[in-house]
Amino acid sequence: MNFQLDLIKDKVEFFEAASLQDLEKKINVQIENNQAIMLRVRSVSHQMTAVDGRIIYSAAVHFSADV
C-alpha cells in the first residue's frame, strides 16, 4: 500500500460578520488553525457592504506556506 501526503501550499478563505470585532475574531481563530498546518497569512482583502439597511463586513484571507 502506497501512502502519500500532499502539502497544502496555498489556501484562500472567506469570512463574513455583522461587526468588525466578530470578523476579526473569526479570522484570528482560523489563523491559529492554519498555523498548525504551517500556513501563514500572505494577504488580507476586506470590504463593507450595506444590504437592506444592514452593514455586512467581509474579508478574504490568503494563506500560504512560503511566506
PDB file of N, CA and C in Angstrom:
ATOM      1  N   MET A   1       0.834  -1.167   0.000  1.00  0.00           N
ATOM      2  CA  MET A   1       0.000   0.000   0.000  1.00  0.00           C
ATOM      3  C   MET A   1       0.886   1.239   0.000  1.00  0.00           C
ATOM      4  N   ASN A   2       0.595   2.150  -0.915  1.00  0.00           N
ATOM      5  CA  ASN A   2       1.382   3.380  -1.037  1.00  0.00           C
ATOM      6  C   ASN A   2       0.618   4.516  -0.361  1.00  0.00           C
ATOM      7  N   PHE A   3       1.254   5.113   0.650  1.00  0.00           N
ATOM      8  CA  PHE A   3       0.631   6.196   1.407  1.00  0.00           C
ATOM      9  C   PHE A   3       1.395   7.475   1.130  1.00  0.00           C
ATOM     10  N   GLN A   4       0.709   8.490   0.613  1.00  0.00           N
ATOM     11  CA  GLN A   4       1.378   9.734   0.239  1.00  0.00           C
ATOM     12  C   GLN A   4       0.592  10.926   0.775  1.00  0.00           C
ATOM     13  N   LEU A   5       1.315  11.868   1.381  1.00  0.00           N
ATOM     14  CA  LEU A   5       0.701  13.088   1.891  1.00  0.00           C
ATOM     15  C   LEU A   5       1.047  14.252   0.979  1.00  0.00           C
ATOM     16  N   ASP A   6       0.070  15.033   0.623  1.00  0.00           N
ATOM     17  CA  ASP A   6       0.303  16.246  -0.157  1.00  0.00           C
ATOM     18  C   ASP A   6       0.194  17.441   0.773  1.00  0.00           C
ATOM     19  N   LEU A   7       1.126  18.354   0.641  1.00  0.00           N
ATOM     20  CA  LEU A   7       1.111  19.560   1.455  1.00  0.00           C
ATOM     21  C   LEU A   7       0.229  20.624   0.816  1.00  0.00           C
ATOM     22  N   ILE A   8      -0.499  21.345   1.646  1.00  0.00           N
ATOM     23  CA  ILE A   8      -1.280  22.479   1.163  1.00  0.00           C
ATOM     24  C   ILE A   8      -0.328  23.659   1.061  1.00  0.00           C
ATOM     25  N   LYS A   9      -0.205  24.245  -0.119  1.00  0.00           N
ATOM     26  CA  LYS A   9       0.723  25.355  -0.316  1.00  0.00           C
ATOM     27  C   LYS A   9       0.016  26.703  -0.298  1.00  0.00           C
ATOM     28  N   ASP A  10      -1.183  26.756  -0.806  1.00  0.00           N
ATOM     29  CA  ASP A  10      -1.973  27.988  -0.842  1.00  0.00           C
ATOM     30  C   ASP A  10      -3.416  27.670  -0.504  1.00  0.00           C
ATOM     31  N   LYS A  11      -4.043  28.623   0.184  1.00  0.00           N
ATOM     32  CA  LYS A  11      -5.436  28.432   0.566  1.00  0.00           C
ATOM     33  C   LYS A  11      -6.060  29.810   0.751  1.00  0.00           C
ATOM     34  N   VAL A  12      -7.250  30.013   0.219  1.00  0.00           N
ATOM     35  CA  VAL A  12      -7.971  31.274   0.386  1.00  0.00           C
ATOM     36  C   VAL A  12      -9.264  30.965   1.131  1.00  0.00           C
ATOM     37  N   GLU A  13      -9.514  31.735   2.189  1.00  0.00           N
ATOM     38  CA  GLU A  13     -10.728  31.552   2.978  1.00  0.00           C
ATOM     39  C   GLU A  13     -11.494  32.868   3.029  1.00  0.00           C
ATOM     40  N   PHE A  14     -12.822  32.757   3.056  1.00  0.00           N
ATOM     41  CA  PHE A  14     -13.693  33.924   3.063  1.00  0.00           C
ATOM     42  C   PHE A  14     -14.461  33.983   4.379  1.00  0.00           C
ATOM     43  N   PHE A  15     -14.618  35.192   4.896  1.00  0.00           N
ATOM     44  CA  PHE A  15     -15.277  35.406   6.179  1.00  0.00           C
ATOM     45  C   PHE A  15     -16.315  36.506   6.040  1.00  0.00           C
ATOM     46  N   GLU A  16     -17.364  36.421   6.863  1.00  0.00           N
ATOM     47  CA  GLU A  16     -18.427  37.423   6.857  1.00  0.00           C
ATOM     48  C   GLU A  16     -18.942  37.585   8.276  1.00  0.00           C
ATOM     49  N   ALA A  17     -19.232  38.836   8.662  1.00  0.00           N
ATOM     50  CA  ALA A  17     -19.732  39.097  10.011  1.00  0.00           C
ATOM     51  C   ALA A  17     -20.513  40.405  10.027  1.00  0.00           C
ATOM     52  N   ALA A  18     -21.289  40.589  11.098  1.00  0.00           N
ATOM     53  CA  ALA A  18     -22.093  41.799  11.243  1.00  0.00           C
ATOM     54  C   ALA A  18     -21.311  42.937  11.897  1.00  0.00           C
ATOM     55  N   SER A  19     -20.141  42.630  12.480  1.00  0.00           N
ATOM     56  CA  SER A  19     -19.317  43.676  13.091  1.00  0.00           C
ATOM     57  C   SER A  19     -17.845  43.401  12.812  1.00  0.00           C
ATOM     58  N   LEU A  20     -17.058  44.449  12.894  1.00  0.00           N
ATOM     59  CA  LEU A  20     -15.620  44.282  12.676  1.00  0.00           C
ATOM     60  C   LEU A  20     -14.993  43.397  13.742  1.00  0.00           C
ATOM     61  N   GLN A  21     -15.475  43.502  14.977  1.00  0.00           N
ATOM     62  CA  GLN A  21     -14.930  42.691  16.066  1.00  0.00           C
ATOM     63  C   GLN A  21     -15.174  41.205  15.816  1.00  0.00           C
ATOM     64  N   ASP A  22     -16.387  40.857  15.367  1.00  0.00           N
ATOM     65  CA  ASP A  22     -16.696  39.458  15.066  1.00  0.00           C
ATOM     66  C   ASP A  22     -15.868  38.946  13.889  1.00  0.00           C
ATOM     67  N   LEU A  23     -15.701  39.791  12.886  1.00  0.00           N
ATOM     68  CA  LEU A  23     -14.887  39.416  11.729  1.00  0.00           C
ATOM     69  C   LEU A  23     -13.447  39.154  12.160  1.00  0.00           C
ATOM     70  N   GLU A  24     -12.913  40.017  12.993  1.00  0.00           N
ATOM     71  CA  GLU A  24     -11.544  39.850  13.471  1.00  0.00           C
ATOM     72  C   GLU A  24     -11.393  38.564  14.285  1.00  0.00           C
ATOM     73  N   LYS A  25     -12.368  38.254  15.124  1.00  0.00           N
ATOM     74  CA  LYS A  25     -12.316  37.026  15.919  1.00  0.00           C
ATOM     75  C   LYS A  25     -12.302  35.791  15.022  1.00  0.00           C
ATOM     76  N   LYS A  26     -13.178  35.781  14.006  1.00  0.00           N
ATOM     77  CA  LYS A  26     -13.241  34.642  13.091  1.00  0.00           C
ATOM     78  C   LYS A  26     -11.914  34.449  12.364  1.00  0.00           C
ATOM     79  N   ILE A  27     -11.330  35.546  11.905  1.00  0.00           N
ATOM     80  CA  ILE A  27     -10.063  35.456  11.182  1.00  0.00           C
ATOM     81  C   ILE A  27      -8.949  34.982  12.108  1.00  0.00           C
ATOM     82  N   ASN A  28      -8.895  35.505  13.334  1.00  0.00           N
ATOM     83  CA  ASN A  28      -7.845  35.105  14.273  1.00  0.00           C
ATOM     84  C   ASN A  28      -7.914  33.629  14.640  1.00  0.00           C
ATOM     85  N   VAL A  29      -9.130  33.104  14.798  1.00  0.00           N
ATOM     86  CA  VAL A  29      -9.282  31.677  15.079  1.00  0.00           C
ATOM     87  C   VAL A  29      -8.729  30.851  13.927  1.00  0.00           C
ATOM     88  N   GLN A  30      -9.034  31.259  12.708  1.00  0.00           N
ATOM     89  CA  GLN A  30      -8.580  30.493  11.553  1.00  0.00           C
ATOM     90  C   GLN A  30      -7.081  30.642  11.332  1.00  0.00           C
ATOM     91  N   ILE A  31      -6.513  31.785  11.684  1.00  0.00           N
ATOM     92  CA  ILE A  31      -5.054  31.958  11.597  1.00  0.00           C
ATOM     93  C   ILE A  31      -4.371  30.945  12.513  1.00  0.00           C
ATOM     94  N   GLU A  32      -4.875  30.796  13.733  1.00  0.00           N
ATOM     95  CA  GLU A  32      -4.305  29.818  14.664  1.00  0.00           C
ATOM     96  C   GLU A  32      -4.447  28.396  14.132  1.00  0.00           C
ATOM     97  N   ASN A  33      -5.606  28.067  13.562  1.00  0.00           N
ATOM     98  CA  ASN A  33      -5.816  26.732  12.993  1.00  0.00           C
ATOM     99  C   ASN A  33      -4.850  26.458  11.845  1.00  0.00           C
ATOM    100  N   ASN A  34      -4.654  27.442  10.994  1.00  0.00           N
ATOM    101  CA  ASN A  34      -3.792  27.247   9.826  1.00  0.00           C
ATOM    102  C   ASN A  34      -2.307  27.252  10.193  1.00  0.00           C
ATOM    103  N   GLN A  35      -1.943  27.870  11.299  1.00  0.00           N
ATOM    104  CA  GLN A  35      -0.552  27.811  11.747  1.00  0.00           C
ATOM    105  C   GLN A  35      -0.171  26.377  12.096  1.00  0.00           C
ATOM    106  N   ALA A  36      -1.130  25.593  12.549  1.00  0.00           N
ATOM    107  CA  ALA A  36      -0.871  24.190  12.885  1.00  0.00           C
ATOM    108  C   ALA A  36      -0.475  23.383  11.649  1.00  0.00           C
ATOM    109  N   ILE A  37      -0.924  23.804  10.477  1.00  0.00           N
ATOM    110  CA  ILE A  37      -0.542  23.105   9.241  1.00  0.00           C
ATOM    111  C   ILE A  37       0.460  23.933   8.441  1.00  0.00           C
ATOM    112  N   MET A  38       1.197  24.791   9.156  1.00  0.00           N
ATOM    113  CA  MET A  38       2.332  25.548   8.606  1.00  0.00           C
ATOM    114  C   MET A  38       1.944  26.556   7.529  1.00  0.00           C
ATOM    115  N   LEU A  39       0.738  27.122   7.616  1.00  0.00           N
ATOM    116  CA  LEU A  39       0.317  28.170   6.690  1.00  0.00           C
ATOM    117  C   LEU A  39       0.341  29.510   7.405  1.00  0.00           C
ATOM    118  N   ARG A  40       0.802  30.528   6.726  1.00  0.00           N
ATOM    119  CA  ARG A  40       0.866  31.880   7.272  1.00  0.00           C
ATOM    120  C   ARG A  40       0.034  32.814   6.390  1.00  0.00           C
ATOM    121  N   VAL A  41      -0.359  33.944   6.940  1.00  0.00           N
ATOM    122  CA  VAL A  41      -1.145  34.914   6.187  1.00  0.00           C
ATOM    123  C   VAL A  41      -0.250  35.592   5.158  1.00  0.00           C
ATOM    124  N   ARG A  42      -0.697  35.570   3.923  1.00  0.00           N
ATOM    125  CA  ARG A  42       0.031  36.246   2.855  1.00  0.00           C
ATOM    126  C   ARG A  42      -0.602  37.595   2.549  1.00  0.00           C
ATOM    127  N   SER A  43      -1.931  37.640   2.524  1.00  0.00           N
ATOM    128  CA  SER A  43      -2.615  38.910   2.290  1.00  0.00           C
ATOM    129  C   SER A  43      -4.045  38.840   2.814  1.00  0.00           C
ATOM    130  N   VAL A  44      -4.593  40.025   3.074  1.00  0.00           N
ATOM    131  CA  VAL A  44      -5.972  40.147   3.537  1.00  0.00           C
ATOM    132  C   VAL A  44      -6.642  41.237   2.715  1.00  0.00           C
ATOM    133  N   SER A  45      -7.833  40.942   2.222  1.00  0.00           N
ATOM    134  CA  SER A  45      -8.632  41.921   1.494  1.00  0.00           C
ATOM    135  C   SER A  45      -9.984  41.990   2.190  1.00  0.00           C
ATOM    136  N   HIS A  46     -10.462  43.197   2.470  1.00  0.00           N
ATOM    137  CA  HIS A  46     -11.720  43.305   3.196  1.00  0.00           C
ATOM    138  C   HIS A  46     -12.590  44.397   2.596  1.00  0.00           C
ATOM    139  N   GLN A  47     -13.880  44.317   2.889  1.00  0.00           N
ATOM    140  CA  GLN A  47     -14.806  45.338   2.424  1.00  0.00           C
ATOM    141  C   GLN A  47     -16.037  45.380   3.310  1.00  0.00           C
ATOM    142  N   MET A  48     -16.787  46.466   3.188  1.00  0.00           N
ATOM    143  CA  MET A  48     -18.031  46.665   3.916  1.00  0.00           C
ATOM    144  C   MET A  48     -19.127  46.884   2.882  1.00  0.00           C
ATOM    145  N   THR A  49     -20.271  46.249   3.110  1.00  0.00           N
ATOM    146  CA  THR A  49     -21.405  46.373   2.196  1.00  0.00           C
ATOM    147  C   THR A  49     -22.664  46.650   3.003  1.00  0.00           C
ATOM    148  N   ALA A  50     -23.518  47.528   2.486  1.00  0.00           N
ATOM    149  CA  ALA A  50     -24.813  47.791   3.114  1.00  0.00           C
ATOM    150  C   ALA A  50     -25.887  47.057   2.320  1.00  0.00           C
ATOM    151  N   VAL A  51     -26.609  46.171   3.010  1.00  0.00           N
ATOM    152  CA  VAL A  51     -27.678  45.386   2.383  1.00  0.00           C
ATOM    153  C   VAL A  51     -28.939  45.544   3.228  1.00  0.00           C
ATOM    154  N   ASP A  52     -29.988  46.092   2.635  1.00  0.00           N
ATOM    155  CA  ASP A  52     -31.268  46.292   3.327  1.00  0.00           C
ATOM    156  C   ASP A  52     -31.099  47.020   4.657  1.00  0.00           C
ATOM    157  N   GLY A  53     -30.246  48.020   4.676  1.00  0.00           N
ATOM    158  CA  GLY A  53     -30.032  48.801   5.877  1.00  0.00           C
ATOM    159  C   GLY A  53     -29.084  48.175   6.887  1.00  0.00           C
ATOM    160  N   ARG A  54     -28.588  46.985   6.604  1.00  0.00           N
ATOM    161  CA  ARG A  54     -27.631  46.317   7.490  1.00  0.00           C
ATOM    162  C   ARG A  54     -26.232  46.436   6.895  1.00  0.00           C
ATOM    163  N   ILE A  55     -25.247  46.554   7.741  1.00  0.00           N
ATOM    164  CA  ILE A  55     -23.861  46.591   7.279  1.00  0.00           C
ATOM    165  C   ILE A  55     -23.263  45.202   7.461  1.00  0.00           C
ATOM    166  N   ILE A  56     -22.651  44.704   6.403  1.00  0.00           N
ATOM    167  CA  ILE A  56     -22.007  43.400   6.425  1.00  0.00           C
ATOM    168  C   ILE A  56     -20.537  43.594   6.102  1.00  0.00           C
ATOM    169  N   TYR A  57     -19.687  43.060   6.968  1.00  0.00           N
ATOM    170  CA  TYR A  57     -18.241  43.122   6.761  1.00  0.00           C
ATOM    171  C   TYR A  57     -17.781  41.768   6.234  1.00  0.00           C
ATOM    172  N   SER A  58     -16.914  41.800   5.243  1.00  0.00           N
ATOM    173  CA  SER A  58     -16.397  40.550   4.697  1.00  0.00           C
ATOM    174  C   SER A  58     -14.903  40.682   4.453  1.00  0.00           C
ATOM    175  N   ALA A  59     -14.249  39.527   4.399  1.00  0.00           N
ATOM    176  CA  ALA A  59     -12.805  39.512   4.173  1.00  0.00           C
ATOM    177  C   ALA A  59     -12.418  38.233   3.452  1.00  0.00           C
ATOM    178  N   ALA A  60     -11.380  38.340   2.642  1.00  0.00           N
ATOM    179  CA  ALA A  60     -10.759  37.188   2.006  1.00  0.00           C
ATOM    180  C   ALA A  60      -9.320  37.145   2.504  1.00  0.00           C
ATOM    181  N   VAL A  61      -8.920  36.004   3.050  1.00  0.00           N
ATOM    182  CA  VAL A  61      -7.576  35.858   3.594  1.00  0.00           C
ATOM    183  C   VAL A  61      -6.849  34.781   2.796  1.00  0.00           C
ATOM    184  N   HIS A  62      -5.685  35.155   2.271  1.00  0.00           N
ATOM    185  CA  HIS A  62      -4.854  34.233   1.500  1.00  0.00           C
ATOM    186  C   HIS A  62      -3.779  33.680   2.440  1.00  0.00           C
ATOM    187  N   PHE A  63      -3.804  32.376   2.649  1.00  0.00           N
ATOM    188  CA  PHE A  63      -2.808  31.693   3.457  1.00  0.00           C
ATOM    189  C   PHE A  63      -1.828  30.999   2.516  1.00  0.00           C
ATOM    190  N   SER A  64      -0.549  31.023   2.873  1.00  0.00           N
ATOM    191  CA  SER A  64       0.478  30.434   2.025  1.00  0.00           C
ATOM    192  C   SER A  64       1.545  29.777   2.876  1.00  0.00           C
ATOM    193  N   ALA A  65       2.131  28.713   2.359  1.00  0.00           N
ATOM    194  CA  ALA A  65       3.193  28.018   3.073  1.00  0.00           C
ATOM    195  C   ALA A  65       4.542  28.679   2.858  1.00  0.00           C
ATOM    196  N   ASP A  66       4.692  29.474   1.814  1.00  0.00           N
ATOM    197  CA  ASP A  66       6.009  30.064   1.508  1.00  0.00           C
ATOM    198  C   ASP A  66       6.007  31.581   1.682  1.00  0.00           C
ATOM    199  N   VAL A  67       5.728  32.021   2.886  1.00  0.00           N
ATOM    200  CA  VAL A  67       5.738  33.467   3.170  1.00  0.00           C
ATOM    201  C   VAL A  67       7.140  33.871   3.542  1.00  0.00           C
TER     202      VAL A  67
END
